N, C-alpha and C. Protein backbone atom coordinates (compact mmCIF):
# COMPACT_ATOMS: atom_id res chain seq x y z
N ILE A 1 0.85 -1.26 -0.19
CA ILE A 1 0.17 0.04 -0.05
C ILE A 1 0.66 1.26 -0.29
N LYS A 2 0.55 2.37 -1.11
CA LYS A 2 1.78 3.44 -0.56
C LYS A 2 0.00 4.69 -0.85
N ALA A 3 0.29 5.19 0.91
CA ALA A 3 -0.91 6.36 0.71
C ALA A 3 0.07 7.86 0.38
N ASP A 4 -0.79 8.56 0.56
CA ASP A 4 -0.59 9.69 0.37
C ASP A 4 -0.02 10.59 1.63
N PRO A 5 0.32 11.84 1.97
CA PRO A 5 0.69 11.94 3.43
C PRO A 5 -1.07 11.83 4.28
N ASP A 6 -1.58 12.28 2.76
CA ASP A 6 -3.00 13.37 3.67
C ASP A 6 -3.01 12.37 3.53
N ALA A 7 -3.06 11.39 3.79
CA ALA A 7 -5.39 10.88 3.06
C ALA A 7 -4.75 9.92 4.70
N VAL A 8 -5.96 9.10 4.74
CA VAL A 8 -6.16 8.42 5.75
C VAL A 8 -6.90 7.08 5.86
N LEU A 9 -5.75 6.18 6.59
CA LEU A 9 -5.67 4.46 5.57
C LEU A 9 -6.10 3.30 6.46
N LEU A 10 -7.30 2.67 6.41
CA LEU A 10 -7.83 1.97 7.77
C LEU A 10 -7.34 0.14 7.10
N PRO A 11 -6.66 0.30 7.61
CA PRO A 11 -6.69 -1.87 6.66
C PRO A 11 -6.90 -2.61 7.32
N ASP A 12 -7.76 -2.16 8.57
CA ASP A 12 -8.52 -3.57 8.90
C ASP A 12 -10.12 -3.70 7.96
N ARG A 13 -10.21 -2.62 7.59
CA ARG A 13 -11.65 -2.08 6.38
C ARG A 13 -11.24 -2.16 5.07
N LEU A 14 -10.40 -1.66 4.47
CA LEU A 14 -9.22 -2.19 3.61
C LEU A 14 -8.76 -4.25 3.18
N ARG A 15 -9.87 -4.17 3.86
CA ARG A 15 -8.39 -5.53 3.73
C ARG A 15 -9.32 -6.70 3.92
N GLY A 16 -11.01 -6.37 4.27
CA GLY A 16 -12.39 -7.11 4.80
C GLY A 16 -12.80 -6.31 3.14
N VAL A 17 -12.20 -5.11 2.35
CA VAL A 17 -13.33 -5.04 1.20
C VAL A 17 -12.49 -5.37 -0.07
N LEU A 18 -11.08 -5.86 0.63
CA LEU A 18 -10.17 -6.23 -0.70
C LEU A 18 -10.48 -8.02 -0.96
N SER A 19 -10.80 -8.66 0.38
CA SER A 19 -10.30 -9.77 0.58
C SER A 19 -11.06 -10.80 -0.47
N HIS A 20 -11.94 -10.87 -1.23
CA HIS A 20 -11.84 -11.66 -1.94
C HIS A 20 -11.38 -11.55 -3.74
N ARG A 21 -10.29 -10.73 -4.04
CA ARG A 21 -8.99 -9.77 -4.63
C ARG A 21 -8.03 -10.30 -3.88
N MET A 22 -7.88 -11.31 -2.69
CA MET A 22 -6.19 -11.86 -2.39
C MET A 22 -6.23 -12.83 -3.18
N GLY A 23 -4.84 -12.89 -3.06
CA GLY A 23 -4.45 -15.07 -3.77
C GLY A 23 -4.35 -14.14 -5.16
N SER A 24 -4.77 -13.19 -6.25
CA SER A 24 -4.28 -12.82 -7.46
C SER A 24 -3.92 -11.84 -8.19
N THR A 25 -2.85 -11.97 -9.23
CA THR A 25 -1.61 -11.16 -9.26
C THR A 25 -3.20 -9.31 -9.35
N ASN A 26 -3.18 -8.83 -8.86
CA ASN A 26 -4.15 -7.57 -8.85
C ASN A 26 -3.14 -6.39 -8.32
N PHE A 27 -3.49 -4.87 -9.15
CA PHE A 27 -3.72 -3.96 -8.21
C PHE A 27 -4.90 -2.98 -8.48
N ILE A 28 -5.23 -3.03 -7.77
CA ILE A 28 -6.68 -1.68 -7.17
C ILE A 28 -6.33 0.20 -8.30
N THR A 29 -7.27 -0.27 -9.25
CA THR A 29 -7.82 1.26 -9.81
C THR A 29 -8.00 1.12 -9.31
N THR A 30 -8.05 3.08 -8.89
CA THR A 30 -8.20 4.34 -8.62
C THR A 30 -9.32 5.10 -9.08
N CYS A 31 -9.26 5.10 -10.92
CA CYS A 31 -9.43 6.21 -11.29
C CYS A 31 -10.57 5.75 -12.05
N ASN A 32 -11.76 6.07 -12.02
CA ASN A 32 -12.81 5.18 -13.14
C ASN A 32 -12.81 6.19 -14.85
N LYS A 33 -12.49 7.12 -14.95
CA LYS A 33 -12.10 7.87 -15.50
C LYS A 33 -11.61 7.05 -17.14
N HIS A 34 -11.85 6.64 -18.58
CA HIS A 34 -12.16 5.26 -19.42
C HIS A 34 -10.43 6.21 -20.65
N PHE A 35 -9.73 5.77 -19.66
CA PHE A 35 -8.22 5.09 -20.15
C PHE A 35 -7.68 4.72 -21.72
N GLN A 36 -6.98 3.94 -22.59
CA GLN A 36 -6.01 3.27 -22.75
C GLN A 36 -6.32 1.79 -22.26
N PHE A 37 -5.81 2.12 -20.96
CA PHE A 37 -5.69 1.10 -19.56
C PHE A 37 -5.71 1.55 -18.30
N ALA A 38 -5.12 0.66 -17.07
CA ALA A 38 -6.28 0.96 -16.14
C ALA A 38 -5.34 2.22 -15.64
N LEU A 39 -5.45 2.47 -14.48
CA LEU A 39 -4.27 3.53 -13.74
C LEU A 39 -4.65 3.69 -12.35
N MET A 40 -3.90 4.01 -11.61
CA MET A 40 -3.53 3.59 -10.00
C MET A 40 -4.12 5.51 -9.46
N PHE A 41 -4.26 6.12 -10.05
CA PHE A 41 -4.52 7.60 -9.84
C PHE A 41 -5.13 8.04 -7.97
N GLY A 42 -5.14 8.71 -7.48
CA GLY A 42 -5.79 8.93 -5.70
C GLY A 42 -5.10 8.86 -5.28
N ALA A 43 -5.10 9.14 -3.29
CA ALA A 43 -4.93 9.33 -2.60
C ALA A 43 -4.17 7.95 -1.83
N THR A 44 -4.54 6.51 -1.97
CA THR A 44 -3.70 5.62 -2.24
C THR A 44 -3.24 4.69 -3.20
N GLU A 45 -1.92 3.71 -2.92
CA GLU A 45 -1.99 2.68 -4.24
C GLU A 45 -2.55 1.39 -3.39
N ALA A 46 -2.35 -0.15 -3.72
CA ALA A 46 -2.37 -0.66 -3.41
C ALA A 46 -2.22 -1.94 -4.49
N ILE A 47 -1.30 -2.61 -4.60
CA ILE A 47 -0.77 -3.80 -5.37
C ILE A 47 -0.82 -5.39 -4.32
N SER A 48 -1.01 -6.19 -4.78
CA SER A 48 -1.17 -8.33 -4.35
C SER A 48 -0.20 -8.40 -4.27
N THR A 49 0.39 -9.08 -3.24
CA THR A 49 1.34 -10.15 -3.44
C THR A 49 2.42 -10.27 -4.40
N GLN A 50 1.12 -10.98 -4.51
CA GLN A 50 1.28 -11.87 -6.24
C GLN A 50 1.58 -10.85 -7.33
N GLY A 51 1.26 -9.64 -6.97
CA GLY A 51 1.06 -8.39 -8.58
C GLY A 51 2.95 -7.56 -8.35
N LEU A 52 3.38 -8.08 -6.71
CA LEU A 52 5.00 -7.22 -7.10
C LEU A 52 5.91 -8.86 -7.10
N GLU A 53 4.93 -9.08 -7.23
CA GLU A 53 6.12 -10.58 -7.48
C GLU A 53 6.33 -10.34 -9.52
N ARG A 54 5.13 -10.06 -9.41
CA ARG A 54 5.49 -10.28 -11.44
C ARG A 54 6.73 -9.49 -11.48
N TYR A 55 6.01 -8.39 -11.18
CA TYR A 55 7.17 -6.60 -10.70
C TYR A 55 9.19 -7.64 -11.21
N PHE A 56 8.49 -7.97 -9.99
CA PHE A 56 10.02 -8.30 -9.76
C PHE A 56 10.38 -9.19 -10.97
N SER A 57 9.90 -10.08 -10.67
CA SER A 57 10.16 -10.99 -12.92
C SER A 57 10.31 -10.34 -13.39
N ASN A 58 9.73 -9.11 -13.75
CA ASN A 58 9.78 -8.56 -15.23
C ASN A 58 10.40 -7.32 -14.70
N GLU A 59 11.41 -7.00 -13.37
CA GLU A 59 11.48 -6.04 -13.67
C GLU A 59 12.29 -5.66 -14.64
N LYS A 60 13.69 -6.49 -15.30
CA LYS A 60 14.17 -5.94 -16.10
C LYS A 60 13.32 -4.88 -17.83
N ALA A 61 12.84 -5.94 -17.56
CA ALA A 61 11.33 -5.94 -18.64
C ALA A 61 10.79 -4.37 -18.37
N CYS A 62 9.84 -4.12 -17.26
CA CYS A 62 9.41 -2.95 -16.58
C CYS A 62 10.62 -2.09 -16.61
N ARG A 63 12.23 -2.64 -16.61
CA ARG A 63 12.26 -1.08 -16.57
C ARG A 63 13.25 -0.14 -17.86
N SER A 64 13.31 -1.30 -18.68
CA SER A 64 13.38 -0.84 -20.23
C SER A 64 12.89 -0.21 -20.41
N LEU A 65 11.02 0.43 -20.32
CA LEU A 65 9.99 0.71 -21.13
C LEU A 65 10.63 1.64 -20.94
N PRO A 66 9.71 2.62 -21.57
CA PRO A 66 9.93 4.30 -21.69
C PRO A 66 9.09 5.01 -20.97
N TRP A 67 9.44 5.15 -19.70
CA TRP A 67 8.61 5.43 -18.71
C TRP A 67 9.01 6.27 -18.58
N HIS A 68 9.67 7.57 -18.54
CA HIS A 68 10.41 9.14 -18.19
C HIS A 68 8.48 10.13 -18.58
N PRO A 69 8.02 9.43 -19.72
CA PRO A 69 7.65 10.11 -19.62
C PRO A 69 6.11 10.10 -19.23
N TRP A 70 5.88 9.03 -18.47
CA TRP A 70 4.79 8.92 -17.91
C TRP A 70 4.55 8.78 -15.82
N GLY A 71 3.79 8.77 -15.95
CA GLY A 71 3.71 8.77 -14.00
C GLY A 71 3.35 6.92 -14.12
N GLU A 72 4.12 6.84 -12.47
CA GLU A 72 4.20 5.84 -11.63
C GLU A 72 2.78 4.48 -12.58
N ASP A 73 2.10 5.77 -12.59
CA ASP A 73 0.39 4.84 -12.30
C ASP A 73 0.16 4.04 -13.36
N LYS A 74 1.22 4.28 -14.44
CA LYS A 74 0.63 4.06 -16.05
C LYS A 74 2.08 3.07 -16.39
N TRP A 75 3.33 3.37 -15.33
CA TRP A 75 4.23 2.46 -15.51
C TRP A 75 3.65 1.41 -14.99
N MET A 76 3.20 1.00 -13.96
CA MET A 76 3.20 0.05 -13.33
C MET A 76 1.29 -0.81 -13.91
N SER A 77 1.06 -0.12 -14.45
CA SER A 77 -0.32 -0.80 -14.65
C SER A 77 -0.33 -1.88 -16.09
N ILE A 78 1.13 -0.98 -17.36
CA ILE A 78 1.33 -1.90 -18.53
C ILE A 78 2.51 -2.60 -17.66
N CYS A 79 3.27 -2.63 -17.08
CA CYS A 79 4.09 -3.47 -16.39
C CYS A 79 3.45 -5.17 -15.86
N LEU A 80 2.63 -4.32 -14.97
CA LEU A 80 1.49 -5.52 -14.30
C LEU A 80 0.46 -6.17 -15.66
């Protein structure tokens, strides 16, 4: 979980709300705007353990993407 400094995060509530998604490779989209890819805009970002494992197994490929003009949300969306 990544949270902005001004965000209030209640881990027990978050865990309960996301329990049906645990165990799969995913991240939580927090933007309902219609883009070509899912986004993690907002005060909090959550990536599953399996999602992080996928990132680390493909880290070299992810780092070779043209990420400089992108935000971290687009970069992670494409990597995962």
